[in-house]
Each structure stands twice: as C-alpha cells, then as structure tokens.
C-alpha cells in the first residue's frame, strides 16, 4: 500500500479512538480536561513526548 492510502486510514483511527472516551463517559472526559487545565506545561509536554515515543516503538514493533 502507498503512504497516501494509509495516512487517511491512520488519521481516521485516531479520530475514532479519541472519540471513544467522550462518547462512553462524558463526565470522566470533562473531569480529565479540567485536570489537564490545572497541569503545568512541562507535565503536559512530558505526557505528549511519552505518547509519541510509545507510538513510535509500537509502530516499529508492528512494522
């Protein structure tokens, strides 16, 4: 498969996965956003970095 065929599928999966929590439990999602609003930028950046590294490692293992 070509990169341009896989990219929209990957983006669609991200939207599906990201939409699951607010659909299943809007109250917990709202609480999570309130908690994230109180975090320092450094903490949010570290969480984002950890998520990206996890994704890269998972992609490497799957591929």
C-alpha atoms as a PDB file:
ATOM      1  CA  UNK A   1       0.000   0.000   0.000  1.00  0.00           C
ATOM      2  CA  UNK A   2       1.041   3.538  -0.718  1.00  0.00           C
ATOM      3  CA  UNK A   3       1.669   6.103   2.054  1.00  0.00           C
ATOM      4  CA  UNK A   4      -1.169   8.297   0.804  1.00  0.00           C
ATOM      5  CA  UNK A   5      -3.580   5.358   1.103  1.00  0.00           C
ATOM      6  CA  UNK A   6      -2.529   4.505   4.650  1.00  0.00           C
ATOM      7  CA  UNK A   7      -2.418   8.064   6.022  1.00  0.00           C
ATOM      8  CA  UNK A   8      -6.193   8.724   5.862  1.00  0.00           C
ATOM      9  CA  UNK A   9      -6.863   5.352   7.493  1.00  0.00           C
ATOM     10  CA  UNK A  10      -4.445   6.171  10.319  1.00  0.00           C
ATOM     11  CA  UNK A  11      -5.991   9.609  10.838  1.00  0.00           C
ATOM     12  CA  UNK A  12      -9.494   8.100  10.851  1.00  0.00           C
ATOM     13  CA  UNK A  13      -8.417   5.576  13.508  1.00  0.00           C
ATOM     14  CA  UNK A  14      -7.017   8.394  15.653  1.00  0.00           C
ATOM     15  CA  UNK A  15     -10.360  10.215  15.471  1.00  0.00           C
ATOM     16  CA  UNK A  16     -12.267   7.034  16.336  1.00  0.00           C
ATOM     17  CA  UNK A  17     -10.051   6.236  19.326  1.00  0.00           C
ATOM     18  CA  UNK A  18     -10.019   9.849  20.555  1.00  0.00           C
ATOM     19  CA  UNK A  19     -13.816   9.997  20.328  1.00  0.00           C
ATOM     20  CA  UNK A  20     -14.415   6.871  22.371  1.00  0.00           C
ATOM     21  CA  UNK A  21     -13.901   8.386  25.853  1.00  0.00           C
ATOM     22  CA  UNK A  22     -16.229  11.392  25.441  1.00  0.00           C
ATOM     23  CA  UNK A  23     -18.840   9.085  23.899  1.00  0.00           C
ATOM     24  CA  UNK A  24     -18.609   6.386  26.578  1.00  0.00           C
ATOM     25  CA  UNK A  25     -18.142   8.619  29.628  1.00  0.00           C
ATOM     26  CA  UNK A  26     -18.594  12.363  29.054  1.00  0.00           C
ATOM     27  CA  UNK A  27     -18.379  13.078  32.794  1.00  0.00           C
ATOM     28  CA  UNK A  28     -14.931  11.474  33.152  1.00  0.00           C
ATOM     29  CA  UNK A  29     -13.771  13.202  29.945  1.00  0.00           C
ATOM     30  CA  UNK A  30     -14.858  16.583  31.328  1.00  0.00           C
ATOM     31  CA  UNK A  31     -13.036  15.855  34.607  1.00  0.00           C
ATOM     32  CA  UNK A  32      -9.906  14.852  32.688  1.00  0.00           C
ATOM     33  CA  UNK A  33      -9.972  18.131  30.760  1.00  0.00           C
ATOM     34  CA  UNK A  34     -10.378  20.100  33.994  1.00  0.00           C
ATOM     35  CA  UNK A  35      -7.411  18.230  35.492  1.00  0.00           C
ATOM     36  CA  UNK A  36      -5.318  18.873  32.365  1.00  0.00           C
ATOM     37  CA  UNK A  37      -6.178  22.561  32.613  1.00  0.00           C
ATOM     38  CA  UNK A  38      -4.552  22.664  36.065  1.00  0.00           C
ATOM     39  CA  UNK A  39      -1.328  20.909  34.960  1.00  0.00           C
ATOM     40  CA  UNK A  40       1.849  22.793  34.201  1.00  0.00           C
ATOM     41  CA  UNK A  41       3.003  22.999  30.572  1.00  0.00           C
ATOM     42  CA  UNK A  42       6.064  20.895  31.408  1.00  0.00           C
ATOM     43  CA  UNK A  43       3.898  17.997  32.601  1.00  0.00           C
ATOM     44  CA  UNK A  44       1.689  18.148  29.504  1.00  0.00           C
ATOM     45  CA  UNK A  45       4.770  18.216  27.252  1.00  0.00           C
ATOM     46  CA  UNK A  46       6.211  15.168  29.042  1.00  0.00           C
ATOM     47  CA  UNK A  47       2.935  13.286  28.593  1.00  0.00           C
ATOM     48  CA  UNK A  48       2.910  14.201  24.900  1.00  0.00           C
ATOM     49  CA  UNK A  49       6.522  13.116  24.491  1.00  0.00           C
ATOM     50  CA  UNK A  50       5.829   9.808  26.227  1.00  0.00           C
ATOM     51  CA  UNK A  51       2.828   9.230  23.984  1.00  0.00           C
ATOM     52  CA  UNK A  52       4.858   9.925  20.836  1.00  0.00           C
ATOM     53  CA  UNK A  53       7.706   7.637  21.941  1.00  0.00           C
ATOM     54  CA  UNK A  54       5.223   4.874  22.770  1.00  0.00           C
ATOM     55  CA  UNK A  55       3.632   5.288  19.343  1.00  0.00           C
ATOM     56  CA  UNK A  56       6.991   5.133  17.571  1.00  0.00           C
ATOM     57  CA  UNK A  57       8.016   1.999  19.481  1.00  0.00           C
ATOM     58  CA  UNK A  58       4.656   0.356  18.799  1.00  0.00           C
ATOM     59  CA  UNK A  59       4.879   1.246  15.118  1.00  0.00           C
ATOM     60  CA  UNK A  60       8.396  -0.190  14.968  1.00  0.00           C
ATOM     61  CA  UNK A  61       7.297  -3.436  16.637  1.00  0.00           C
ATOM     62  CA  UNK A  62       4.249  -3.831  14.386  1.00  0.00           C
ATOM     63  CA  UNK A  63       6.078  -2.997  11.192  1.00  0.00           C
END
